[in-house]
Amino acid sequence: MHELSVTKNVLQLVIRHAEANKARRVVGVKLEIGEMRDIVEDLMQKCFLYLARGTVAEGAALKINVIPLTCNCRACNEVFPVDWRKGFDHMSCPKCGGASLAPYTGQEFFIKEIDVV
């Protein structure tokens, strides 16, 4: 359950931001998290609610936008979605059949927005 430690780090950054901006309260936090980070959204939501108790972020809405995994073919530069649950063995580009691939999206973890009052 890495959601607890990840959420704790996010909350620390959110609180630091709120304090630096002399905010009275954090009302919302928007995250962009890549699919490969394997975050369980419901669990992260619960961890956030629990950890934020008694802080400037208590009651803040946590919105998570999951970024799907895509790969870039080095041969033809095609970017295409990947279902990582099927595994990566024998994966190839759907356009040219090339096997030289690089992750393009799906590993992100950003605090995109912190709404304060």
PDB file of N, CA and C in Angstrom:
ATOM      1  N   MET A   1       0.837  -1.176   0.000  1.00  0.00           N
ATOM      2  CA  MET A   1       0.000   0.000   0.000  1.00  0.00           C
ATOM      3  C   MET A   1       0.883   1.241   0.000  1.00  0.00           C
ATOM      4  N   HIS A   2       1.370   1.622  -1.153  1.00  0.00           N
ATOM      5  CA  HIS A   2       2.217   2.808  -1.252  1.00  0.00           C
ATOM      6  C   HIS A   2       1.405   4.096  -1.301  1.00  0.00           C
ATOM      7  N   GLU A   3       0.087   3.993  -1.430  1.00  0.00           N
ATOM      8  CA  GLU A   3      -0.759   5.183  -1.488  1.00  0.00           C
ATOM      9  C   GLU A   3      -0.606   6.053  -0.239  1.00  0.00           C
ATOM     10  N   LEU A   4      -0.442   5.452   0.914  1.00  0.00           N
ATOM     11  CA  LEU A   4      -0.325   6.218   2.156  1.00  0.00           C
ATOM     12  C   LEU A   4       0.913   7.107   2.146  1.00  0.00           C
ATOM     13  N   SER A   5       2.057   6.551   1.800  1.00  0.00           N
ATOM     14  CA  SER A   5       3.284   7.355   1.794  1.00  0.00           C
ATOM     15  C   SER A   5       3.273   8.390   0.669  1.00  0.00           C
ATOM     16  N   VAL A   6       2.736   8.046  -0.479  1.00  0.00           N
ATOM     17  CA  VAL A   6       2.642   8.982  -1.599  1.00  0.00           C
ATOM     18  C   VAL A   6       1.715  10.137  -1.225  1.00  0.00           C
ATOM     19  N   THR A   7       0.582   9.807  -0.638  1.00  0.00           N
ATOM     20  CA  THR A   7      -0.389  10.825  -0.245  1.00  0.00           C
ATOM     21  C   THR A   7       0.188  11.733   0.838  1.00  0.00           C
ATOM     22  N   LYS A   8       0.946  11.158   1.745  1.00  0.00           N
ATOM     23  CA  LYS A   8       1.580  11.960   2.795  1.00  0.00           C
ATOM     24  C   LYS A   8       2.516  12.998   2.174  1.00  0.00           C
ATOM     25  N   ASN A   9       3.288  12.594   1.185  1.00  0.00           N
ATOM     26  CA  ASN A   9       4.194  13.521   0.497  1.00  0.00           C
ATOM     27  C   ASN A   9       3.428  14.615  -0.251  1.00  0.00           C
ATOM     28  N   VAL A  10       2.352  14.233  -0.919  1.00  0.00           N
ATOM     29  CA  VAL A  10       1.528  15.208  -1.637  1.00  0.00           C
ATOM     30  C   VAL A  10       0.962  16.217  -0.642  1.00  0.00           C
ATOM     31  N   LEU A  11       0.416  15.731   0.458  1.00  0.00           N
ATOM     32  CA  LEU A  11      -0.180  16.615   1.451  1.00  0.00           C
ATOM     33  C   LEU A  11       0.851  17.579   2.038  1.00  0.00           C
ATOM     34  N   GLN A  12       2.048  17.105   2.275  1.00  0.00           N
ATOM     35  CA  GLN A  12       3.102  17.985   2.797  1.00  0.00           C
ATOM     36  C   GLN A  12       3.380  19.133   1.820  1.00  0.00           C
ATOM     37  N   LEU A  13       3.444  18.818   0.534  1.00  0.00           N
ATOM     38  CA  LEU A  13       3.672  19.852  -0.484  1.00  0.00           C
ATOM     39  C   LEU A  13       2.499  20.823  -0.560  1.00  0.00           C
ATOM     40  N   VAL A  14       1.299  20.302  -0.465  1.00  0.00           N
ATOM     41  CA  VAL A  14       0.097  21.137  -0.518  1.00  0.00           C
ATOM     42  C   VAL A  14       0.076  22.100   0.663  1.00  0.00           C
ATOM     43  N   ILE A  15       0.354  21.591   1.846  1.00  0.00           N
ATOM     44  CA  ILE A  15       0.365  22.432   3.052  1.00  0.00           C
ATOM     45  C   ILE A  15       1.461  23.489   2.953  1.00  0.00           C
ATOM     46  N   ARG A  16       2.626  23.089   2.484  1.00  0.00           N
ATOM     47  CA  ARG A  16       3.729  24.043   2.308  1.00  0.00           C
ATOM     48  C   ARG A  16       3.328  25.173   1.342  1.00  0.00           C
ATOM     49  N   HIS A  17       2.664  24.802   0.250  1.00  0.00           N
ATOM     50  CA  HIS A  17       2.198  25.787  -0.728  1.00  0.00           C
ATOM     51  C   HIS A  17       1.175  26.732  -0.086  1.00  0.00           C
ATOM     52  N   ALA A  18       0.237  26.171   0.645  1.00  0.00           N
ATOM     53  CA  ALA A  18      -0.800  26.982   1.297  1.00  0.00           C
ATOM     54  C   ALA A  18      -0.178  27.956   2.289  1.00  0.00           C
ATOM     55  N   GLU A  19       0.761  27.496   3.080  1.00  0.00           N
ATOM     56  CA  GLU A  19       1.420  28.354   4.068  1.00  0.00           C
ATOM     57  C   GLU A  19       2.225  29.459   3.386  1.00  0.00           C
ATOM     58  N   ALA A  20       2.939  29.117   2.325  1.00  0.00           N
ATOM     59  CA  ALA A  20       3.752  30.099   1.605  1.00  0.00           C
ATOM     60  C   ALA A  20       2.888  31.197   0.985  1.00  0.00           C
ATOM     61  N   ASN A  21       1.647  30.858   0.669  1.00  0.00           N
ATOM     62  CA  ASN A  21       0.732  31.818   0.059  1.00  0.00           C
ATOM     63  C   ASN A  21      -0.271  32.390   1.056  1.00  0.00           C
ATOM     64  N   LYS A  22      -0.005  32.131   2.328  1.00  0.00           N
ATOM     65  CA  LYS A  22      -0.844  32.652   3.407  1.00  0.00           C
ATOM     66  C   LYS A  22      -2.327  32.328   3.209  1.00  0.00           C
ATOM     67  N   ALA A  23      -2.593  31.135   2.729  1.00  0.00           N
ATOM     68  CA  ALA A  23      -3.968  30.687   2.502  1.00  0.00           C
ATOM     69  C   ALA A  23      -4.608  30.270   3.826  1.00  0.00           C
ATOM     70  N   ARG A  24      -5.886  30.537   3.927  1.00  0.00           N
ATOM     71  CA  ARG A  24      -6.624  30.104   5.121  1.00  0.00           C
ATOM     72  C   ARG A  24      -7.008  28.637   5.010  1.00  0.00           C
ATOM     73  N   ARG A  25      -7.272  28.215   3.775  1.00  0.00           N
ATOM     74  CA  ARG A  25      -7.786  26.860   3.592  1.00  0.00           C
ATOM     75  C   ARG A  25      -7.503  26.362   2.180  1.00  0.00           C
ATOM     76  N   VAL A  26      -7.226  25.076   2.069  1.00  0.00           N
ATOM     77  CA  VAL A  26      -7.108  24.422   0.761  1.00  0.00           C
ATOM     78  C   VAL A  26      -8.477  23.810   0.473  1.00  0.00           C
ATOM     79  N   VAL A  27      -9.047  24.142  -0.677  1.00  0.00           N
ATOM     80  CA  VAL A  27     -10.369  23.613  -1.017  1.00  0.00           C
ATOM     81  C   VAL A  27     -10.319  22.505  -2.073  1.00  0.00           C
ATOM     82  N   GLY A  28      -9.213  22.426  -2.804  1.00  0.00           N
ATOM     83  CA  GLY A  28      -9.102  21.386  -3.823  1.00  0.00           C
ATOM     84  C   GLY A  28      -7.680  21.162  -4.271  1.00  0.00           C
ATOM     85  N   VAL A  29      -7.400  19.934  -4.660  1.00  0.00           N
ATOM     86  CA  VAL A  29      -6.092  19.554  -5.181  1.00  0.00           C
ATOM     87  C   VAL A  29      -6.334  18.677  -6.407  1.00  0.00           C
ATOM     88  N   LYS A  30      -5.673  19.042  -7.518  1.00  0.00           N
ATOM     89  CA  LYS A  30      -5.786  18.250  -8.739  1.00  0.00           C
ATOM     90  C   LYS A  30      -4.434  17.615  -9.053  1.00  0.00           C
ATOM     91  N   LEU A  31      -4.471  16.311  -9.243  1.00  0.00           N
ATOM     92  CA  LEU A  31      -3.258  15.554  -9.553  1.00  0.00           C
ATOM     93  C   LEU A  31      -3.368  14.947 -10.941  1.00  0.00           C
ATOM     94  N   GLU A  32      -2.226  14.788 -11.601  1.00  0.00           N
ATOM     95  CA  GLU A  32      -2.134  13.999 -12.829  1.00  0.00           C
ATOM     96  C   GLU A  32      -1.172  12.868 -12.530  1.00  0.00           C
ATOM     97  N   ILE A  33      -1.693  11.644 -12.613  1.00  0.00           N
ATOM     98  CA  ILE A  33      -0.897  10.476 -12.250  1.00  0.00           C
ATOM     99  C   ILE A  33      -0.920   9.478 -13.402  1.00  0.00           C
ATOM    100  N   GLY A  34       0.257   9.070 -13.829  1.00  0.00           N
ATOM    101  CA  GLY A  34       0.367   8.086 -14.898  1.00  0.00           C
ATOM    102  C   GLY A  34      -0.130   6.721 -14.456  1.00  0.00           C
ATOM    103  N   GLU A  35      -0.734   6.030 -15.384  1.00  0.00           N
ATOM    104  CA  GLU A  35      -1.301   4.704 -15.155  1.00  0.00           C
ATOM    105  C   GLU A  35      -0.268   3.717 -14.582  1.00  0.00           C
ATOM    106  N   MET A  36       0.982   3.856 -14.997  1.00  0.00           N
ATOM    107  CA  MET A  36       2.026   2.932 -14.532  1.00  0.00           C
ATOM    108  C   MET A  36       2.408   3.162 -13.066  1.00  0.00           C
ATOM    109  N   ARG A  37       1.966   4.255 -12.465  1.00  0.00           N
ATOM    110  CA  ARG A  37       2.226   4.496 -11.036  1.00  0.00           C
ATOM    111  C   ARG A  37       1.395   3.559 -10.181  1.00  0.00           C
ATOM    112  N   ASP A  38       0.400   2.921 -10.792  1.00  0.00           N
ATOM    113  CA  ASP A  38      -0.425   1.900 -10.139  1.00  0.00           C
ATOM    114  C   ASP A  38      -1.040   2.396  -8.830  1.00  0.00           C
ATOM    115  N   ILE A  39      -1.612   3.577  -8.886  1.00  0.00           N
ATOM    116  CA  ILE A  39      -2.278   4.167  -7.725  1.00  0.00           C
ATOM    117  C   ILE A  39      -3.734   3.718  -7.708  1.00  0.00           C
ATOM    118  N   VAL A  40      -4.206   3.282  -6.562  1.00  0.00           N
ATOM    119  CA  VAL A  40      -5.617   2.956  -6.389  1.00  0.00           C
ATOM    120  C   VAL A  40      -6.305   4.253  -5.952  1.00  0.00           C
ATOM    121  N   GLU A  41      -7.083   4.819  -6.859  1.00  0.00           N
ATOM    122  CA  GLU A  41      -7.660   6.143  -6.632  1.00  0.00           C
ATOM    123  C   GLU A  41      -8.489   6.226  -5.352  1.00  0.00           C
ATOM    124  N   ASP A  42      -9.383   5.275  -5.139  1.00  0.00           N
ATOM    125  CA  ASP A  42     -10.229   5.299  -3.942  1.00  0.00           C
ATOM    126  C   ASP A  42      -9.402   5.276  -2.669  1.00  0.00           C
ATOM    127  N   LEU A  43      -8.361   4.469  -2.680  1.00  0.00           N
ATOM    128  CA  LEU A  43      -7.501   4.370  -1.504  1.00  0.00           C
ATOM    129  C   LEU A  43      -6.749   5.673  -1.269  1.00  0.00           C
ATOM    130  N   MET A  44      -6.277   6.290  -2.340  1.00  0.00           N
ATOM    131  CA  MET A  44      -5.573   7.563  -2.195  1.00  0.00           C
ATOM    132  C   MET A  44      -6.529   8.642  -1.691  1.00  0.00           C
ATOM    133  N   GLN A  45      -7.755   8.631  -2.170  1.00  0.00           N
ATOM    134  CA  GLN A  45      -8.766   9.579  -1.693  1.00  0.00           C
ATOM    135  C   GLN A  45      -8.963   9.422  -0.181  1.00  0.00           C
ATOM    136  N   LYS A  46      -9.102   8.191   0.273  1.00  0.00           N
ATOM    137  CA  LYS A  46      -9.313   7.925   1.697  1.00  0.00           C
ATOM    138  C   LYS A  46      -8.097   8.329   2.529  1.00  0.00           C
ATOM    139  N   CYS A  47      -6.925   8.035   2.013  1.00  0.00           N
ATOM    140  CA  CYS A  47      -5.694   8.423   2.714  1.00  0.00           C
ATOM    141  C   CYS A  47      -5.614   9.943   2.839  1.00  0.00           C
ATOM    142  N   PHE A  48      -5.975  10.645   1.772  1.00  0.00           N
ATOM    143  CA  PHE A  48      -5.926  12.105   1.796  1.00  0.00           C
ATOM    144  C   PHE A  48      -6.882  12.659   2.850  1.00  0.00           C
ATOM    145  N   LEU A  49      -8.113  12.160   2.855  1.00  0.00           N
ATOM    146  CA  LEU A  49      -9.098  12.613   3.848  1.00  0.00           C
ATOM    147  C   LEU A  49      -8.606  12.361   5.269  1.00  0.00           C
ATOM    148  N   TYR A  50      -8.023  11.193   5.478  1.00  0.00           N
ATOM    149  CA  TYR A  50      -7.522  10.826   6.810  1.00  0.00           C
ATOM    150  C   TYR A  50      -6.337  11.710   7.223  1.00  0.00           C
ATOM    151  N   LEU A  51      -5.352  11.838   6.353  1.00  0.00           N
ATOM    152  CA  LEU A  51      -4.142  12.583   6.688  1.00  0.00           C
ATOM    153  C   LEU A  51      -4.377  14.085   6.795  1.00  0.00           C
ATOM    154  N   ALA A  52      -5.362  14.604   6.078  1.00  0.00           N
ATOM    155  CA  ALA A  52      -5.609  16.051   6.064  1.00  0.00           C
ATOM    156  C   ALA A  52      -6.366  16.539   7.301  1.00  0.00           C
ATOM    157  N   ARG A  53      -6.880  15.606   8.099  1.00  0.00           N
ATOM    158  CA  ARG A  53      -7.630  16.016   9.300  1.00  0.00           C
ATOM    159  C   ARG A  53      -6.772  16.928  10.172  1.00  0.00           C
ATOM    160  N   GLY A  54      -7.374  18.040  10.610  1.00  0.00           N
ATOM    161  CA  GLY A  54      -6.688  18.966  11.493  1.00  0.00           C
ATOM    162  C   GLY A  54      -5.666  19.862  10.808  1.00  0.00           C
ATOM    163  N   THR A  55      -5.613  19.823   9.474  1.00  0.00           N
ATOM    164  CA  THR A  55      -4.682  20.676   8.729  1.00  0.00           C
ATOM    165  C   THR A  55      -5.471  21.688   7.918  1.00  0.00           C
ATOM    166  N   VAL A  56      -4.766  22.587   7.281  1.00  0.00           N
ATOM    167  CA  VAL A  56      -5.378  23.593   6.411  1.00  0.00           C
ATOM    168  C   VAL A  56      -6.064  22.932   5.207  1.00  0.00           C
ATOM    169  N   ALA A  57      -5.755  21.672   4.940  1.00  0.00           N
ATOM    170  CA  ALA A  57      -6.330  20.955   3.798  1.00  0.00           C
ATOM    171  C   ALA A  57      -7.493  20.041   4.188  1.00  0.00           C
ATOM    172  N   GLU A  58      -7.918  20.110   5.442  1.00  0.00           N
ATOM    173  CA  GLU A  58      -9.034  19.257   5.867  1.00  0.00           C
ATOM    174  C   GLU A  58     -10.269  19.554   5.028  1.00  0.00           C
ATOM    175  N   GLY A  59     -10.875  18.512   4.486  1.00  0.00           N
ATOM    176  CA  GLY A  59     -12.076  18.647   3.676  1.00  0.00           C
ATOM    177  C   GLY A  59     -11.838  19.012   2.223  1.00  0.00           C
ATOM    178  N   ALA A  60     -10.595  19.207   1.839  1.00  0.00           N
ATOM    179  CA  ALA A  60     -10.292  19.554   0.442  1.00  0.00           C
ATOM    180  C   ALA A  60     -10.649  18.401  -0.486  1.00  0.00           C
ATOM    181  N   ALA A  61     -11.139  18.750  -1.667  1.00  0.00           N
ATOM    182  CA  ALA A  61     -11.463  17.742  -2.675  1.00  0.00           C
ATOM    183  C   ALA A  61     -10.194  17.352  -3.423  1.00  0.00           C
ATOM    184  N   LEU A  62      -9.960  16.058  -3.533  1.00  0.00           N
ATOM    185  CA  LEU A  62      -8.804  15.543  -4.272  1.00  0.00           C
ATOM    186  C   LEU A  62      -9.314  14.968  -5.587  1.00  0.00           C
ATOM    187  N   LYS A  63      -8.850  15.543  -6.701  1.00  0.00           N
ATOM    188  CA  LYS A  63      -9.243  15.070  -8.031  1.00  0.00           C
ATOM    189  C   LYS A  63      -8.016  14.475  -8.709  1.00  0.00           C
ATOM    190  N   ILE A  64      -8.177  13.253  -9.187  1.00  0.00           N
ATOM    191  CA  ILE A  64      -7.064  12.552  -9.824  1.00  0.00           C
ATOM    192  C   ILE A  64      -7.405  12.306 -11.293  1.00  0.00           C
ATOM    193  N   ASN A  65      -6.542  12.794 -12.170  1.00  0.00           N
ATOM    194  CA  ASN A  65      -6.664  12.530 -13.600  1.00  0.00           C
ATOM    195  C   ASN A  65      -5.602  11.492 -13.952  1.00  0.00           C
ATOM    196  N   VAL A  66      -6.045  10.326 -14.383  1.00  0.00           N
ATOM    197  CA  VAL A  66      -5.113   9.249 -14.720  1.00  0.00           C
ATOM    198  C   VAL A  66      -4.688   9.384 -16.183  1.00  0.00           C
ATOM    199  N   ILE A  67      -3.373   9.431 -16.398  1.00  0.00           N
ATOM    200  CA  ILE A  67      -2.800   9.538 -17.742  1.00  0.00           C
ATOM    201  C   ILE A  67      -2.509   8.121 -18.248  1.00  0.00           C
ATOM    202  N   PRO A  68      -3.099   7.735 -19.373  1.00  0.00           N
ATOM    203  CA  PRO A  68      -2.899   6.370 -19.875  1.00  0.00           C
ATOM    204  C   PRO A  68      -1.467   6.133 -20.370  1.00  0.00           C
ATOM    205  N   LEU A  69      -1.089   4.871 -20.372  1.00  0.00           N
ATOM    206  CA  LEU A  69       0.225   4.479 -20.877  1.00  0.00           C
ATOM    207  C   LEU A  69       0.210   4.495 -22.397  1.00  0.00           C
ATOM    208  N   THR A  70       1.185   5.198 -22.969  1.00  0.00           N
ATOM    209  CA  THR A  70       1.399   5.167 -24.419  1.00  0.00           C
ATOM    210  C   THR A  70       2.887   4.937 -24.673  1.00  0.00           C
ATOM    211  N   CYS A  71       3.174   4.420 -25.848  1.00  0.00           N
ATOM    212  CA  CYS A  71       4.560   4.223 -26.266  1.00  0.00           C
ATOM    213  C   CYS A  71       4.795   4.956 -27.579  1.00  0.00           C
ATOM    214  N   ASN A  72       6.067   5.240 -27.825  1.00  0.00           N
ATOM    215  CA  ASN A  72       6.503   5.897 -29.053  1.00  0.00           C
ATOM    216  C   ASN A  72       7.398   4.903 -29.799  1.00  0.00           C
ATOM    217  N   CYS A  73       7.062   4.661 -31.066  1.00  0.00           N
ATOM    218  CA  CYS A  73       7.882   3.788 -31.896  1.00  0.00           C
ATOM    219  C   CYS A  73       9.083   4.590 -32.399  1.00  0.00           C
ATOM    220  N   ARG A  74      10.271   4.085 -32.140  1.00  0.00           N
ATOM    221  CA  ARG A  74      11.485   4.795 -32.566  1.00  0.00           C
ATOM    222  C   ARG A  74      11.684   4.716 -34.084  1.00  0.00           C
ATOM    223  N   ALA A  75      11.059   3.737 -34.729  1.00  0.00           N
ATOM    224  CA  ALA A  75      11.221   3.579 -36.178  1.00  0.00           C
ATOM    225  C   ALA A  75      10.354   4.559 -36.970  1.00  0.00           C
ATOM    226  N   CYS A  76       9.069   4.684 -36.607  1.00  0.00           N
ATOM    227  CA  CYS A  76       8.163   5.521 -37.402  1.00  0.00           C
ATOM    228  C   CYS A  76       7.578   6.697 -36.611  1.00  0.00           C
ATOM    229  N   ASN A  77       7.940   6.801 -35.345  1.00  0.00           N
ATOM    230  CA  ASN A  77       7.503   7.885 -34.459  1.00  0.00           C
ATOM    231  C   ASN A  77       6.010   7.841 -34.117  1.00  0.00           C
ATOM    232  N   GLU A  78       5.357   6.711 -34.338  1.00  0.00           N
ATOM    233  CA  GLU A  78       3.943   6.534 -33.982  1.00  0.00           C
ATOM    234  C   GLU A  78       3.821   6.474 -32.458  1.00  0.00           C
ATOM    235  N   VAL A  79       2.836   7.187 -31.915  1.00  0.00           N
ATOM    236  CA  VAL A  79       2.512   7.112 -30.493  1.00  0.00           C
ATOM    237  C   VAL A  79       1.203   6.352 -30.392  1.00  0.00           C
ATOM    238  N   PHE A  80       1.178   5.311 -29.560  1.00  0.00           N
ATOM    239  CA  PHE A  80      -0.007   4.458 -29.480  1.00  0.00           C
ATOM    240  C   PHE A  80      -0.247   3.994 -28.048  1.00  0.00           C
ATOM    241  N   PRO A  81      -1.527   3.740 -27.717  1.00  0.00           N
ATOM    242  CA  PRO A  81      -1.857   3.285 -26.361  1.00  0.00           C
ATOM    243  C   PRO A  81      -1.405   1.844 -26.146  1.00  0.00           C
ATOM    244  N   VAL A  82      -1.091   1.546 -24.891  1.00  0.00           N
ATOM    245  CA  VAL A  82      -0.614   0.211 -24.525  1.00  0.00           C
ATOM    246  C   VAL A  82      -1.420  -0.289 -23.343  1.00  0.00           C
ATOM    247  N   ASP A  83      -1.875  -1.536 -23.419  1.00  0.00           N
ATOM    248  CA  ASP A  83      -2.531  -2.167 -22.271  1.00  0.00           C
ATOM    249  C   ASP A  83      -1.461  -2.951 -21.522  1.00  0.00           C
ATOM    250  N   TRP A  84      -0.900  -2.339 -20.482  1.00  0.00           N
ATOM    251  CA  TRP A  84       0.215  -2.942 -19.756  1.00  0.00           C
ATOM    252  C   TRP A  84      -0.187  -4.214 -19.018  1.00  0.00           C
ATOM    253  N   ARG A  85      -1.483  -4.427 -18.834  1.00  0.00           N
ATOM    254  CA  ARG A  85      -1.940  -5.632 -18.130  1.00  0.00           C
ATOM    255  C   ARG A  85      -1.698  -6.895 -18.967  1.00  0.00           C
ATOM    256  N   LYS A  86      -1.528  -6.715 -20.272  1.00  0.00           N
ATOM    257  CA  LYS A  86      -1.266  -7.843 -21.161  1.00  0.00           C
ATOM    258  C   LYS A  86       0.221  -8.192 -21.208  1.00  0.00           C
ATOM    259  N   GLY A  87       1.039  -7.374 -20.573  1.00  0.00           N
ATOM    260  CA  GLY A  87       2.477  -7.617 -20.571  1.00  0.00           C
ATOM    261  C   GLY A  87       3.158  -6.914 -21.734  1.00  0.00           C
ATOM    262  N   PHE A  88       4.471  -6.948 -21.690  1.00  0.00           N
ATOM    263  CA  PHE A  88       5.247  -6.227 -22.697  1.00  0.00           C
ATOM    264  C   PHE A  88       6.015  -7.168 -23.636  1.00  0.00           C
ATOM    265  N   ASP A  89       5.900  -8.456 -23.411  1.00  0.00           N
ATOM    266  CA  ASP A  89       6.580  -9.406 -24.288  1.00  0.00           C
ATOM    267  C   ASP A  89       5.994  -9.341 -25.691  1.00  0.00           C
ATOM    268  N   HIS A  90       6.860  -9.304 -26.667  1.00  0.00           N
ATOM    269  CA  HIS A  90       6.462  -9.324 -28.080  1.00  0.00           C
ATOM    270  C   HIS A  90       5.574  -8.138 -28.469  1.00  0.00           C
ATOM    271  N   MET A  91       5.709  -7.033 -27.783  1.00  0.00           N
ATOM    272  CA  MET A  91       4.934  -5.845 -28.122  1.00  0.00           C
ATOM    273  C   MET A  91       5.585  -5.169 -29.328  1.00  0.00           C
ATOM    274  N   SER A  92       4.760  -4.692 -30.243  1.00  0.00           N
ATOM    275  CA  SER A  92       5.298  -4.015 -31.427  1.00  0.00           C
ATOM    276  C   SER A  92       4.370  -2.867 -31.831  1.00  0.00           C
ATOM    277  N   CYS A  93       4.886  -2.015 -32.671  1.00  0.00           N
ATOM    278  CA  CYS A  93       4.146  -0.859 -33.161  1.00  0.00           C
ATOM    279  C   CYS A  93       2.999  -1.324 -34.058  1.00  0.00           C
ATOM    280  N   PRO A  94       1.797  -0.811 -33.830  1.00  0.00           N
ATOM    281  CA  PRO A  94       0.670  -1.210 -34.682  1.00  0.00           C
ATOM    282  C   PRO A  94       0.750  -0.637 -36.099  1.00  0.00           C
ATOM    283  N   LYS A  95       1.579   0.384 -36.303  1.00  0.00           N
ATOM    284  CA  LYS A  95       1.685   1.018 -37.626  1.00  0.00           C
ATOM    285  C   LYS A  95       2.724   0.323 -38.508  1.00  0.00           C
ATOM    286  N   CYS A  96       3.948   0.128 -37.950  1.00  0.00           N
ATOM    287  CA  CYS A  96       5.027  -0.419 -38.787  1.00  0.00           C
ATOM    288  C   CYS A  96       5.532  -1.785 -38.327  1.00  0.00           C
ATOM    289  N   GLY A  97       5.081  -2.228 -37.155  1.00  0.00           N
ATOM    290  CA  GLY A  97       5.525  -3.524 -36.631  1.00  0.00           C
ATOM    291  C   GLY A  97       6.859  -3.463 -35.912  1.00  0.00           C
ATOM    292  N   GLY A  98       7.438  -2.271 -35.806  1.00  0.00           N
ATOM    293  CA  GLY A  98       8.731  -2.110 -35.138  1.00  0.00           C
ATOM    294  C   GLY A  98       8.673  -2.483 -33.662  1.00  0.00           C
ATOM    295  N   ALA A  99       9.810  -2.940 -33.160  1.00  0.00           N
ATOM    296  CA  ALA A  99       9.869  -3.372 -31.759  1.00  0.00           C
ATOM    297  C   ALA A  99      10.725  -2.444 -30.903  1.00  0.00           C
ATOM    298  N   SER A 100      11.277  -1.398 -31.483  1.00  0.00           N
ATOM    299  CA  SER A 100      12.073  -0.446 -30.722  1.00  0.00           C
ATOM    300  C   SER A 100      11.136   0.650 -30.210  1.00  0.00           C
ATOM    301  N   LEU A 101      10.686   0.471 -28.974  1.00  0.00           N
ATOM    302  CA  LEU A 101       9.663   1.333 -28.400  1.00  0.00           C
ATOM    303  C   LEU A 101      10.176   2.031 -27.150  1.00  0.00           C
ATOM    304  N   ALA A 102       9.620   3.183 -26.872  1.00  0.00           N
ATOM    305  CA  ALA A 102       9.963   3.927 -25.661  1.00  0.00           C
ATOM    306  C   ALA A 102       8.676   4.399 -24.998  1.00  0.00           C
ATOM    307  N   PRO A 103       8.628   4.373 -23.673  1.00  0.00           N
ATOM    308  CA  PRO A 103       7.443   4.916 -22.997  1.00  0.00           C
ATOM    309  C   PRO A 103       7.270   6.386 -23.364  1.00  0.00           C
ATOM    310  N   TYR A 104       6.029   6.793 -23.571  1.00  0.00           N
ATOM    311  CA  TYR A 104       5.757   8.183 -23.942  1.00  0.00           C
ATOM    312  C   TYR A 104       4.966   8.886 -22.836  1.00  0.00           C
ATOM    313  N   THR A 105       3.875   8.289 -22.404  1.00  0.00           N
ATOM    314  CA  THR A 105       3.118   8.794 -21.257  1.00  0.00           C
ATOM    315  C   THR A 105       2.758   7.623 -20.355  1.00  0.00           C
ATOM    316  N   GLY A 106       2.355   7.959 -19.136  1.00  0.00           N
ATOM    317  CA  GLY A 106       1.898   6.919 -18.218  1.00  0.00           C
ATOM    318  C   GLY A 106       2.729   6.805 -16.962  1.00  0.00           C
ATOM    319  N   GLN A 107       3.806   7.597 -16.857  1.00  0.00           N
ATOM    320  CA  GLN A 107       4.653   7.542 -15.669  1.00  0.00           C
ATOM    321  C   GLN A 107       4.633   8.854 -14.884  1.00  0.00           C
ATOM    322  N   GLU A 108       3.764   9.768 -15.271  1.00  0.00           N
ATOM    323  CA  GLU A 108       3.716  11.090 -14.653  1.00  0.00           C
ATOM    324  C   GLU A 108       3.222  11.021 -13.201  1.00  0.00           C
ATOM    325  N   PHE A 109       3.580  12.048 -12.469  1.00  0.00           N
ATOM    326  CA  PHE A 109       3.004  12.288 -11.138  1.00  0.00           C
ATOM    327  C   PHE A 109       3.180  13.771 -10.855  1.00  0.00           C
ATOM    328  N   PHE A 110       2.121  14.538 -11.088  1.00  0.00           N
ATOM    329  CA  PHE A 110       2.183  15.984 -10.937  1.00  0.00           C
ATOM    330  C   PHE A 110       1.062  16.487 -10.040  1.00  0.00           C
ATOM    331  N   ILE A 111       1.386  17.466  -9.211  1.00  0.00           N
ATOM    332  CA  ILE A 111       0.353  18.249  -8.564  1.00  0.00           C
ATOM    333  C   ILE A 111       0.057  19.352  -9.574  1.00  0.00           C
ATOM    334  N   LYS A 112      -1.074  19.254 -10.216  1.00  0.00           N
ATOM    335  CA  LYS A 112      -1.417  20.160 -11.304  1.00  0.00           C
ATOM    336  C   LYS A 112      -1.995  21.471 -10.792  1.00  0.00           C
ATOM    337  N   GLU A 113      -2.754  21.396  -9.706  1.00  0.00           N
ATOM    338  CA  GLU A 113      -3.429  22.595  -9.219  1.00  0.00           C
ATOM    339  C   GLU A 113      -3.723  22.455  -7.741  1.00  0.00           C
ATOM    340  N   ILE A 114      -3.574  23.551  -7.009  1.00  0.00           N
ATOM    341  CA  ILE A 114      -3.953  23.628  -5.603  1.00  0.00           C
ATOM    342  C   ILE A 114      -4.851  24.841  -5.470  1.00  0.00           C
ATOM    343  N   ASP A 115      -6.104  24.605  -5.107  1.00  0.00           N
ATOM    344  CA  ASP A 115      -7.070  25.691  -4.939  1.00  0.00           C
ATOM    345  C   ASP A 115      -7.125  26.084  -3.473  1.00  0.00           C
ATOM    346  N   VAL A 116      -6.880  27.366  -3.201  1.00  0.00           N
ATOM    347  CA  VAL A 116      -6.874  27.856  -1.828  1.00  0.00           C
ATOM    348  C   VAL A 116      -7.777  29.082  -1.692  1.00  0.00           C
ATOM    349  N   VAL A 117      -8.164  29.356  -0.460  1.00  0.00           N
ATOM    350  CA  VAL A 117      -8.910  30.581  -0.151  1.00  0.00           C
ATOM    351  C   VAL A 117      -8.246  31.285   1.010  1.00  0.00           C
TER     352      VAL A 117
END
